[in-house]
Amino acid sequence: MAKTPEGLVKEKITKLLKEYEVYYFMPIGGMYSKIGVPDVIGCLNGRFIAVEAKAGKGKTTALQDRELKRIKDAGGVSLVINETNLDELRQALEEIKHAIPI
């Protein structure tokens, strides 16, 4: 079965997370799930990381924006990553990797 464009972006994100040995998981939405939770949740060097994957010109919803802001306001790292800005994730992981652990 062919992957969706967003599925391909998620594949690249998880490959990068594995490269940096990030603990991560991908929450599965359901009836009891919180709406707007990012696609990938992780932790590196004691820092909470949340990544919303988008493909092409895909835009985040208002609920996704709210959750990403709440994570950032709480001291976590929240990013929206697509096929053109994977370097932003790599840069964030580099900074976290070399920071003093929390």
Protein backbone atom coordinates (compact mmCIF):
# COMPACT_ATOMS: atom_id res chain seq x y z
CA MET A 1 0.00 0.00 0.00
CA ALA A 2 1.35 3.42 -0.98
CA LYS A 3 2.12 5.91 1.76
CA THR A 4 0.38 9.26 1.90
CA PRO A 5 2.51 12.40 1.47
CA GLU A 6 2.14 13.05 5.22
CA GLY A 7 3.10 9.44 5.92
CA LEU A 8 6.34 10.00 4.01
CA VAL A 9 7.06 13.09 6.13
CA LYS A 10 6.40 11.09 9.32
CA GLU A 11 8.80 8.42 8.07
CA LYS A 12 11.55 11.04 7.63
CA ILE A 13 10.80 12.50 11.07
CA THR A 14 11.03 9.12 12.80
CA LYS A 15 14.24 8.28 10.95
CA LEU A 16 15.79 11.48 12.28
CA LEU A 17 14.51 10.82 15.81
CA LYS A 18 16.06 7.35 15.72
CA GLU A 19 19.34 8.82 14.50
CA TYR A 20 19.40 11.06 17.61
CA GLU A 21 18.22 8.23 19.88
CA VAL A 22 15.10 10.13 20.90
CA TYR A 23 12.51 8.27 22.95
CA TYR A 24 9.30 8.83 20.98
CA PHE A 25 5.85 7.52 20.22
CA MET A 26 3.04 8.40 17.86
CA PRO A 27 -0.30 8.80 19.67
CA ILE A 28 -3.28 7.16 18.03
CA GLY A 29 -6.42 9.26 17.98
CA GLY A 30 -9.65 7.82 19.17
CA MET A 31 -12.85 8.52 20.99
CA TYR A 32 -11.06 9.17 24.30
CA SER A 33 -8.04 10.99 22.87
CA LYS A 34 -7.33 14.65 23.34
CA ILE A 35 -7.96 16.56 20.11
CA GLY A 36 -5.04 18.44 18.59
CA VAL A 37 -2.24 16.36 20.09
CA PRO A 38 0.83 16.44 17.80
CA ASP A 39 1.69 13.44 15.61
CA VAL A 40 4.93 12.58 17.41
CA ILE A 41 5.77 12.98 21.10
CA GLY A 42 9.31 12.47 22.32
CA CYS A 43 11.97 13.15 24.90
CA LEU A 44 15.69 13.80 24.46
CA ASN A 45 18.13 14.80 27.19
CA GLY A 46 15.21 15.52 29.52
CA ARG A 47 13.41 17.83 27.05
CA PHE A 48 9.85 17.22 25.90
CA ILE A 49 9.51 17.31 22.10
CA ALA A 50 6.31 17.48 20.05
CA VAL A 51 6.22 17.34 16.26
CA GLU A 52 3.22 17.94 14.02
CA ALA A 53 3.81 16.49 10.54
CA LYS A 54 2.36 18.18 7.49
CA ALA A 55 2.83 17.57 3.79
CA GLY A 56 2.96 20.15 1.04
CA LYS A 57 0.99 23.24 1.93
CA GLY A 58 -0.85 21.47 4.75
CA LYS A 59 -1.77 23.82 7.57
CA THR A 60 -2.25 23.14 11.24
CA THR A 61 -5.73 23.45 12.70
CA ALA A 62 -6.62 25.89 15.47
CA LEU A 63 -6.70 22.99 17.94
CA GLN A 64 -3.24 21.81 16.84
CA ASP A 65 -1.91 25.37 17.16
CA ARG A 66 -3.35 25.58 20.67
CA GLU A 67 -1.67 22.34 21.76
CA LEU A 68 1.68 23.27 20.18
CA LYS A 69 1.57 26.63 22.00
CA ARG A 70 0.69 25.00 25.31
CA ILE A 71 3.67 22.66 24.95
CA LYS A 72 6.00 25.56 24.15
CA ASP A 73 4.60 27.64 27.03
CA ALA A 74 5.28 24.68 29.36
CA GLY A 75 8.95 24.63 28.33
CA GLY A 76 8.77 21.92 25.69
CA VAL A 77 9.89 22.06 22.08
CA SER A 78 7.06 22.08 19.53
CA LEU A 79 7.57 22.07 15.79
CA VAL A 80 5.55 21.78 12.61
CA ILE A 81 7.63 19.81 10.12
CA ASN A 82 7.08 19.15 6.42
CA GLU A 83 9.28 17.87 3.63
CA THR A 84 10.95 21.28 3.18
CA ASN A 85 11.96 22.09 6.77
CA LEU A 86 13.36 18.86 8.23
CA ASP A 87 16.54 20.80 9.00
CA GLU A 88 14.59 22.70 11.69
CA LEU A 89 14.02 19.42 13.50
CA ARG A 90 17.66 18.39 13.07
CA GLN A 91 18.82 21.78 14.43
CA ALA A 92 16.50 21.51 17.44
CA LEU A 93 17.73 17.98 18.18
CA GLU A 94 21.35 19.10 17.93
CA GLU A 95 20.72 21.93 20.41
CA ILE A 96 18.92 19.63 22.82
CA LYS A 97 21.55 16.91 22.49
CA HIS A 98 24.36 19.30 23.45
CA ALA A 99 22.45 21.14 26.20
CA ILE A 100 22.88 20.44 29.87
CA PRO A 101 20.29 17.79 30.83
CA ILE A 102 17.29 19.04 32.76
